Amino acid sequence: MPLRANMILMNTNAQTVTAEFESHLISMTRPNRATEPQPATMAPLDEEAAWRKVLARDRDAGFFYAVTTTGVFCHPWCASRRPLRGNARFFRTAEEAQAAGFRPCKKCSPTTAWGNSLDKVRAHIEGNLDRAVKLQELGRVAGMSPFTVQRLFKSEMGVSPLQYQRALRANQLRGALKSGSSVTDAIYAAGFGSSSRAYDGSSLGMTPARFRDGGRGEQINYAAAQSPFGWMIVGATDRGLCWLALAGTKADAEATLRAEFPEADLTRDASLAHLVDAALESVRAGTDLFANDASECLDLRGTVFQLRVWQALRQIPRGETRTYSQLAREMGRPKATRAVARACALNRVSVVVPCHRVVGVNGSLTGYRWGVERKRKLLDAEKD
């Protein structure tokens, strides 16, 4: 079964985790290359080129520089006096600069300037759902180049501006369908220019009619196999891996899938056994099949905040752990510790999205959906 690149956001019954994000359900999909400009893959920072941009006070430089003699880091366009070349260091993100021990400059406020622009960009997109909003337009709103807006928005939100707009429309469509509107009325009320746009699987993960009927008939194939951590079951839609759970018996493992997707059509598929192998390999060697193989994808469903947490979990290296508060700080949301913990608890793709690598503030294993003892075994296996 081909696994196409997609990460779908669906409404869940979970309690809202933050007022800022819960109202915006985001669909993370593979961008439409024909309609959305794509930034090139980032090359390592060329320090000499970066230094020239610092001297030119380039507002579109897209990095930060720090001064070793003062312990401060700045935007390249900061009005402060330029340091000696030998005293300058360069970082792609403010988080990297802070992790290296530098504090933000009080003149250019490198940790807050983009936050203000981000609010403007989000508000502009949210206020114009009935039409296409181009990157050039967002660049004018933020006072940045289109490329910089695209890169920073995706870095902060986990989705591109175009994906964000599509997902907000899809959220309106969900609400209209749940309220009993006809499919046609709901499609146009949500701002879709045509029915074909709304029926695209990237909007809801299923057709609007199927969504209105509670997801009945969605096809999920699955396979189960024994592992050192108990029976492991994987489930996949045609968009990617949507379920990975651990249990004491094969029957219990299969029961977790049925409980999570009660209205779906479930079919055994032995060809999915390689996904079990991929998950175990991520524990043994830290490899990530879903990051390195374009044909293997994740079909994750949650709010934008939950997706950001799950993305952050995948950045924790094998053999390392984070506390919930550390993960919240790394995400730039230091006060969202409880929301981070909640998102970890709602993770549907265990092991591959390694929520087992998050521990209590005192190093205790705390809870784990599939049992604390399994969490201990996973962490012990990753220390080898």
Protein backbone atom coordinates (compact mmCIF):
# COMPACT_ATOMS: atom_id res chain seq x y z
CA MET A 1 0.00 0.00 0.00
CA PRO A 2 1.66 3.30 -1.01
CA LEU A 3 2.11 5.76 1.81
CA ARG A 4 1.81 9.29 0.47
CA ALA A 5 3.21 12.27 2.31
CA ASN A 6 0.55 13.83 4.48
CA MET A 7 -0.07 14.86 8.06
CA ILE A 8 -3.79 15.40 8.61
CA LEU A 9 -5.38 17.40 11.39
CA MET A 10 -8.70 16.18 12.74
CA ASN A 11 -10.90 17.40 15.56
CA THR A 12 -10.45 15.25 18.68
CA ASN A 13 -12.42 15.02 21.89
CA ALA A 14 -9.41 16.15 23.89
CA GLN A 15 -9.78 19.10 26.22
CA THR A 16 -8.36 22.30 24.73
CA VAL A 17 -4.70 22.71 25.49
CA THR A 18 -4.11 26.38 24.80
CA ALA A 19 -6.45 29.22 23.89
CA GLU A 20 -4.01 30.47 21.28
CA PHE A 21 -3.79 27.31 19.21
CA GLU A 22 -6.85 25.17 19.87
CA SER A 23 -9.11 27.37 17.75
CA HIS A 24 -6.97 26.76 14.69
CA LEU A 25 -6.86 23.16 13.53
CA ILE A 26 -4.11 22.78 10.97
CA SER A 27 -3.71 20.25 8.18
CA MET A 28 -0.07 19.45 7.54
CA THR A 29 0.14 18.22 3.99
CA ARG A 30 2.71 17.87 1.31
CA PRO A 31 2.77 21.28 -0.40
CA ASN A 32 1.31 21.61 -3.87
CA ARG A 33 4.49 22.32 -5.81
CA ALA A 34 2.50 23.93 -8.60
CA THR A 35 0.98 26.60 -6.39
CA GLU A 36 3.30 27.13 -3.43
CA PRO A 37 6.84 28.53 -3.64
CA GLN A 38 9.31 26.19 -1.98
CA PRO A 39 12.46 27.40 -0.25
CA ALA A 40 15.59 25.48 -1.07
CA THR A 41 17.15 23.11 1.45
CA MET A 42 19.32 25.10 3.84
CA ALA A 43 23.06 24.78 3.31
CA PRO A 44 25.48 25.18 6.23
CA LEU A 45 26.04 28.81 7.20
CA ASP A 46 28.82 30.46 5.21
CA GLU A 47 30.39 32.53 7.97
CA GLU A 48 32.20 34.93 5.66
CA ALA A 49 29.00 35.61 3.71
CA ALA A 50 27.15 35.97 7.01
CA TRP A 51 29.71 38.50 8.22
CA ARG A 52 29.25 40.58 5.08
CA LYS A 53 25.49 40.64 5.76
CA VAL A 54 26.15 41.77 9.32
CA LEU A 55 28.30 44.63 8.01
CA ALA A 56 25.54 45.52 5.53
CA ARG A 57 22.85 45.26 8.23
CA ASP A 58 20.86 43.00 5.91
CA ARG A 59 17.23 42.72 7.10
CA ASP A 60 16.65 39.52 5.11
CA ALA A 61 19.75 37.72 6.36
CA GLY A 62 17.76 34.99 8.14
CA PHE A 63 20.23 34.25 10.96
CA PHE A 64 21.60 35.75 14.19
CA TYR A 65 25.07 36.76 15.26
CA ALA A 66 26.59 36.88 18.73
CA VAL A 67 29.52 38.76 20.22
CA THR A 68 31.79 36.72 22.47
CA THR A 69 33.12 39.75 24.36
CA THR A 70 29.67 40.98 25.44
CA GLY A 71 27.73 37.70 25.57
CA VAL A 72 24.90 39.24 23.50
CA PHE A 73 23.30 38.05 20.26
CA CYS A 74 21.51 40.24 17.70
CA HIS A 75 19.76 40.47 14.38
CA PRO A 76 22.24 41.27 11.59
CA TRP A 77 20.45 44.60 11.08
CA CYS A 78 20.83 45.67 14.71
CA ALA A 79 21.93 49.28 15.19
CA SER A 80 24.58 48.32 17.74
CA ARG A 81 28.26 48.84 16.90
CA ARG A 82 29.78 46.09 14.78
CA PRO A 83 32.18 43.80 16.67
CA LEU A 84 35.59 42.67 15.52
CA ARG A 85 35.29 39.78 13.08
CA GLY A 86 37.12 37.44 15.44
CA ASN A 87 34.56 38.08 18.18
CA ALA A 88 31.48 37.19 16.08
CA ARG A 89 29.65 33.87 16.04
CA PHE A 90 26.69 32.94 13.87
CA PHE A 91 23.52 30.96 14.58
CA ARG A 92 20.53 29.95 12.47
CA THR A 93 18.04 30.45 15.32
CA ALA A 94 17.71 32.45 18.51
CA GLU A 95 17.33 29.17 20.39
CA GLU A 96 20.76 28.04 19.22
CA ALA A 97 22.31 31.31 20.35
CA GLN A 98 20.68 31.06 23.77
CA ALA A 99 21.72 27.42 24.12
CA ALA A 100 25.30 28.55 23.51
CA GLY A 101 25.02 30.92 26.47
CA PHE A 102 24.29 34.25 24.76
CA ARG A 103 21.53 36.62 25.91
CA PRO A 104 19.27 38.61 23.56
CA CYS A 105 20.18 42.17 22.63
CA LYS A 106 17.95 44.81 24.24
CA LYS A 107 18.10 47.05 21.17
CA CYS A 108 16.84 44.68 18.47
CA SER A 109 15.03 42.12 20.69
CA PRO A 110 15.92 39.08 18.56
CA THR A 111 13.60 36.77 20.50
CA THR A 112 10.46 38.87 20.05
CA ALA A 113 10.63 40.74 16.76
CA TRP A 114 9.47 37.81 14.64
CA GLY A 115 6.78 36.99 17.18
CA ASN A 116 5.11 40.35 16.53
CA SER A 117 5.39 39.88 12.76
CA LEU A 118 4.07 36.34 13.09
CA ASP A 119 0.93 37.64 14.78
CA LYS A 120 0.41 40.09 11.92
CA VAL A 121 0.89 37.38 9.29
CA ARG A 122 -1.47 34.98 11.04
CA ALA A 123 -4.11 37.68 11.47
CA HIS A 124 -3.85 38.61 7.78
CA ILE A 125 -4.29 35.00 6.67
CA GLU A 126 -7.20 34.47 9.06
CA GLY A 127 -8.93 37.60 7.79
CA ASN A 128 -8.67 36.59 4.13
CA LEU A 129 -9.77 32.97 3.96
CA ASP A 130 -12.00 33.68 0.97
CA ARG A 131 -9.09 34.33 -1.39
CA ALA A 132 -5.53 33.26 -2.10
CA VAL A 133 -2.93 35.15 -0.07
CA LYS A 134 0.44 35.30 -1.83
CA LEU A 135 3.81 35.21 -0.10
CA GLN A 136 4.65 38.63 -1.56
CA GLU A 137 1.60 40.03 0.22
CA LEU A 138 2.62 38.45 3.51
CA GLY A 139 6.11 39.83 3.04
CA ARG A 140 4.70 43.35 2.88
CA VAL A 141 2.65 42.70 6.03
CA ALA A 142 5.68 41.43 7.95
CA GLY A 143 8.23 43.84 6.46
CA MET A 144 10.33 40.91 5.23
CA SER A 145 11.11 39.13 2.00
CA PRO A 146 8.61 36.43 0.90
CA PHE A 147 11.27 33.76 1.32
CA THR A 148 12.00 34.87 4.90
CA VAL A 149 8.29 34.89 5.80
CA GLN A 150 7.88 31.38 4.37
CA ARG A 151 10.90 30.03 6.22
CA LEU A 152 10.20 31.67 9.58
CA PHE A 153 6.48 30.93 9.52
CA LYS A 154 7.08 27.23 8.86
CA SER A 155 9.83 27.09 11.47
CA GLU A 156 7.55 28.61 14.13
CA MET A 157 4.19 27.08 13.19
CA GLY A 158 5.28 23.77 11.68
CA VAL A 159 3.28 24.46 8.50
CA SER A 160 3.62 26.88 5.61
CA PRO A 161 1.32 29.94 5.22
CA LEU A 162 -0.56 28.20 2.40
CA GLN A 163 -1.07 25.06 4.47
CA TYR A 164 -2.23 27.21 7.36
CA GLN A 165 -4.89 28.90 5.23
CA ARG A 166 -6.07 25.61 3.76
CA ALA A 167 -6.38 24.09 7.21
CA LEU A 168 -8.38 27.01 8.59
CA ARG A 169 -10.78 26.61 5.69
CA ALA A 170 -10.98 22.88 6.42
CA ASN A 171 -11.76 23.66 10.05
CA GLN A 172 -14.64 25.91 9.00
CA LEU A 173 -15.83 23.14 6.70
CA ARG A 174 -15.78 20.65 9.57
CA GLY A 175 -17.82 22.99 11.74
CA ALA A 176 -20.41 23.57 9.02
CA LEU A 177 -20.75 19.86 8.30
CA LYS A 178 -21.14 19.04 11.99
CA SER A 179 -23.84 21.69 12.33
CA GLY A 180 -25.90 19.94 9.67
CA SER A 181 -25.24 22.12 6.61
CA SER A 182 -25.43 20.49 3.21
CA VAL A 183 -22.09 19.47 1.74
CA THR A 184 -22.33 22.07 -1.05
CA ASP A 185 -23.28 24.93 1.27
CA ALA A 186 -20.54 24.00 3.73
CA ILE A 187 -17.89 23.91 1.00
CA TYR A 188 -18.57 27.42 -0.24
CA ALA A 189 -19.23 28.88 3.20
CA ALA A 190 -15.77 27.71 4.25
CA GLY A 191 -14.12 29.71 1.47
CA PHE A 192 -13.26 26.93 -0.97
CA GLY A 193 -13.40 28.16 -4.53
CA SER A 194 -14.71 24.86 -5.88
CA SER A 195 -15.98 21.51 -4.68
CA SER A 196 -12.88 19.78 -6.06
CA ARG A 197 -10.69 21.73 -3.62
CA ALA A 198 -12.75 20.61 -0.66
CA TYR A 199 -12.85 16.99 -1.79
CA ASP A 200 -9.05 16.89 -1.94
CA GLY A 201 -7.95 14.43 0.73
CA SER A 202 -5.48 16.98 2.09
CA SER A 203 -8.32 19.05 3.50
CA LEU A 204 -10.09 16.60 5.79
CA GLY A 205 -8.31 13.31 5.33
CA MET A 206 -11.57 12.04 3.76
CA THR A 207 -14.41 13.41 1.67
CA PRO A 208 -16.71 15.97 3.35
CA ALA A 209 -19.62 13.51 3.21
CA ARG A 210 -17.61 10.82 4.99
CA PHE A 211 -16.47 13.31 7.61
CA ARG A 212 -20.09 14.33 8.21
CA ASP A 213 -20.90 10.65 8.83
CA GLY A 214 -18.24 10.35 11.54
CA GLY A 215 -15.43 8.90 9.42
CA ARG A 216 -17.31 5.69 8.75
CA GLY A 217 -15.66 3.64 6.01
CA GLU A 218 -12.14 5.06 6.30
CA GLN A 219 -9.72 2.30 5.32
CA ILE A 220 -6.92 1.44 7.76
CA ASN A 221 -4.63 -1.51 7.11
CA TYR A 222 -2.64 -2.96 9.98
CA ALA A 223 -0.06 -5.51 11.05
CA ALA A 224 1.06 -6.78 14.46
CA ALA A 225 4.29 -8.46 15.52
CA GLN A 226 6.14 -9.38 18.68
CA SER A 227 8.93 -7.08 19.85
CA PRO A 228 11.24 -6.83 22.87
CA PHE A 229 8.69 -4.39 24.31
CA GLY A 230 5.58 -6.51 23.82
CA TRP A 231 3.24 -6.87 20.86
CA MET A 232 3.55 -3.92 18.51
CA ILE A 233 0.74 -2.98 16.14
CA VAL A 234 0.95 -0.49 13.28
CA GLY A 235 -1.97 0.98 11.36
CA ALA A 236 -1.78 2.98 8.15
CA THR A 237 -4.12 4.90 5.88
CA ASP A 238 -3.24 5.65 2.28
CA ARG A 239 -1.60 8.83 3.65
CA GLY A 240 0.77 7.11 6.06
CA LEU A 241 1.30 5.54 9.46
CA CYS A 242 -1.51 6.64 11.78
CA TRP A 243 -1.21 4.24 14.73
CA LEU A 244 1.55 2.46 16.63
CA ALA A 245 0.80 0.89 20.00
CA LEU A 246 2.30 -1.65 22.40
CA ALA A 247 0.41 -4.32 24.34
CA GLY A 248 0.87 -7.60 26.20
CA THR A 249 -0.89 -9.81 23.65
CA LYS A 250 -1.75 -9.69 19.97
CA ALA A 251 -5.44 -9.47 20.80
CA ASP A 252 -4.86 -6.56 23.14
CA ALA A 253 -2.76 -4.79 20.50
CA GLU A 254 -5.50 -5.15 17.89
CA ALA A 255 -8.06 -3.96 20.43
CA THR A 256 -6.20 -0.64 20.81
CA LEU A 257 -6.62 0.04 17.09
CA ARG A 258 -10.33 -0.80 17.14
CA ALA A 259 -10.88 1.42 20.17
CA GLU A 260 -9.11 4.37 18.55
CA PHE A 261 -10.82 4.05 15.14
CA PRO A 262 -14.20 2.44 15.88
CA GLU A 263 -15.85 3.57 12.61
CA ALA A 264 -12.99 2.65 10.26
CA ASP A 265 -12.69 -0.42 8.05
CA LEU A 266 -9.74 -2.38 9.45
CA THR A 267 -7.86 -4.90 7.32
CA ARG A 268 -4.81 -7.04 8.16
CA ASP A 269 -1.92 -6.34 5.82
CA ALA A 270 1.27 -8.36 6.28
CA SER A 271 3.16 -5.98 4.00
CA LEU A 272 3.10 -3.38 6.77
CA ALA A 273 5.41 -5.50 8.93
CA HIS A 274 8.32 -3.41 7.66
CA LEU A 275 6.90 -0.47 9.64
CA VAL A 276 7.33 -2.50 12.84
CA ASP A 277 10.94 -3.13 11.80
CA ALA A 278 11.41 0.58 11.12
CA ALA A 279 10.09 1.50 14.57
CA LEU A 280 12.40 -1.01 16.26
CA GLU A 281 15.34 0.26 14.22
CA SER A 282 14.67 3.78 15.51
CA VAL A 283 15.18 2.39 19.02
CA ARG A 284 18.23 0.29 18.13
CA ALA A 285 20.08 2.81 15.98
CA GLY A 286 18.19 6.13 16.13
CA THR A 287 17.33 6.01 12.42
CA ASP A 288 14.15 7.70 11.19
CA LEU A 289 12.66 6.00 8.14
CA PHE A 290 9.93 8.61 7.96
CA ALA A 291 12.45 11.46 7.68
CA ASN A 292 14.83 9.73 5.25
CA ASP A 293 12.51 7.86 2.88
CA ALA A 294 10.06 9.99 0.89
CA SER A 295 7.83 6.94 0.27
CA GLU A 296 7.17 6.41 3.99
CA CYS A 297 5.06 9.01 5.77
CA LEU A 298 3.15 9.79 8.92
CA ASP A 299 -0.58 10.51 9.04
CA LEU A 300 -0.73 12.46 12.31
CA ARG A 301 -3.97 14.07 13.45
CA GLY A 302 -4.18 16.74 16.11
CA THR A 303 -4.12 20.46 16.74
CA VAL A 304 -1.28 22.63 15.51
CA PHE A 305 0.14 22.77 19.03
CA GLN A 306 0.06 18.99 19.36
CA LEU A 307 1.77 18.61 15.98
CA ARG A 308 4.49 21.03 17.10
CA VAL A 309 5.03 18.94 20.24
CA TRP A 310 5.22 15.72 18.21
CA GLN A 311 7.66 17.36 15.81
CA ALA A 312 9.80 18.46 18.76
CA LEU A 313 9.75 14.93 20.17
CA ARG A 314 11.22 13.61 16.92
CA GLN A 315 14.15 16.00 17.35
CA ILE A 316 15.24 14.42 20.66
CA PRO A 317 18.29 12.26 19.84
CA ARG A 318 18.34 8.57 20.70
CA GLY A 319 19.81 8.04 24.16
CA GLU A 320 18.73 11.45 25.43
CA THR A 321 15.69 12.61 27.38
CA ARG A 322 13.93 15.90 28.05
CA THR A 323 11.63 17.01 30.82
CA TYR A 324 8.24 18.38 29.87
CA SER A 325 9.37 21.87 30.89
CA GLN A 326 12.57 21.57 28.83
CA LEU A 327 10.57 20.56 25.77
CA ALA A 328 8.20 23.50 26.32
CA ARG A 329 11.16 25.91 26.48
CA GLU A 330 12.73 24.44 23.35
CA MET A 331 9.44 25.09 21.57
CA GLY A 332 9.45 28.70 22.75
CA ARG A 333 6.44 28.07 25.02
CA PRO A 334 7.96 27.93 28.55
CA LYS A 335 4.55 28.24 30.25
CA ALA A 336 2.98 25.39 28.28
CA THR A 337 4.41 22.47 30.29
CA ARG A 338 1.00 20.94 31.00
CA ALA A 339 -0.07 21.33 27.37
CA VAL A 340 3.12 19.57 26.28
CA ALA A 341 2.40 16.70 28.67
CA ARG A 342 -1.15 16.46 27.33
CA ALA A 343 0.09 16.32 23.73
CA CYS A 344 2.53 13.55 24.65
CA ALA A 345 -0.32 11.56 26.19
CA LEU A 346 -2.37 11.90 22.98
CA ASN A 347 0.44 10.72 20.68
CA ARG A 348 -0.97 8.01 18.38
CA VAL A 349 2.35 6.89 16.90
CA SER A 350 4.45 5.78 19.84
CA VAL A 351 8.15 4.92 19.43
CA VAL A 352 8.37 6.64 16.01
CA VAL A 353 7.22 9.85 17.72
CA PRO A 354 9.26 9.08 20.85
CA CYS A 355 7.18 10.43 23.72
CA HIS A 356 8.97 7.86 25.89
CA ARG A 357 11.99 10.20 25.82
CA VAL A 358 10.20 12.74 28.01
CA VAL A 359 10.58 12.33 31.78
CA GLY A 360 9.62 14.10 34.97
CA VAL A 361 11.57 17.05 36.32
CA ASN A 362 13.41 14.80 38.80
CA GLY A 363 14.18 12.21 36.14
CA SER A 364 11.29 9.93 37.09
CA LEU A 365 9.62 8.04 34.25
CA THR A 366 6.15 9.44 35.09
CA GLY A 367 3.29 7.94 33.09
CA TYR A 368 3.33 6.23 29.70
CA ARG A 369 0.29 5.22 27.70
CA TRP A 370 1.60 1.67 27.22
CA GLY A 371 3.02 1.19 30.71
CA VAL A 372 5.94 2.66 32.66
CA GLU A 373 7.86 -0.63 32.51
CA ARG A 374 7.80 -0.55 28.70
CA LYS A 375 9.01 3.05 28.84
CA ARG A 376 11.91 1.91 31.02
CA LYS A 377 12.81 -0.86 28.58
CA LEU A 378 12.72 1.53 25.61
CA LEU A 379 15.01 4.01 27.33
CA ASP A 380 17.38 1.26 28.48
CA ALA A 381 17.56 -0.10 24.93
CA GLU A 382 18.44 3.35 23.61
CA LYS A 383 21.34 3.72 26.06
CA ASP A 384 23.19 0.75 24.52
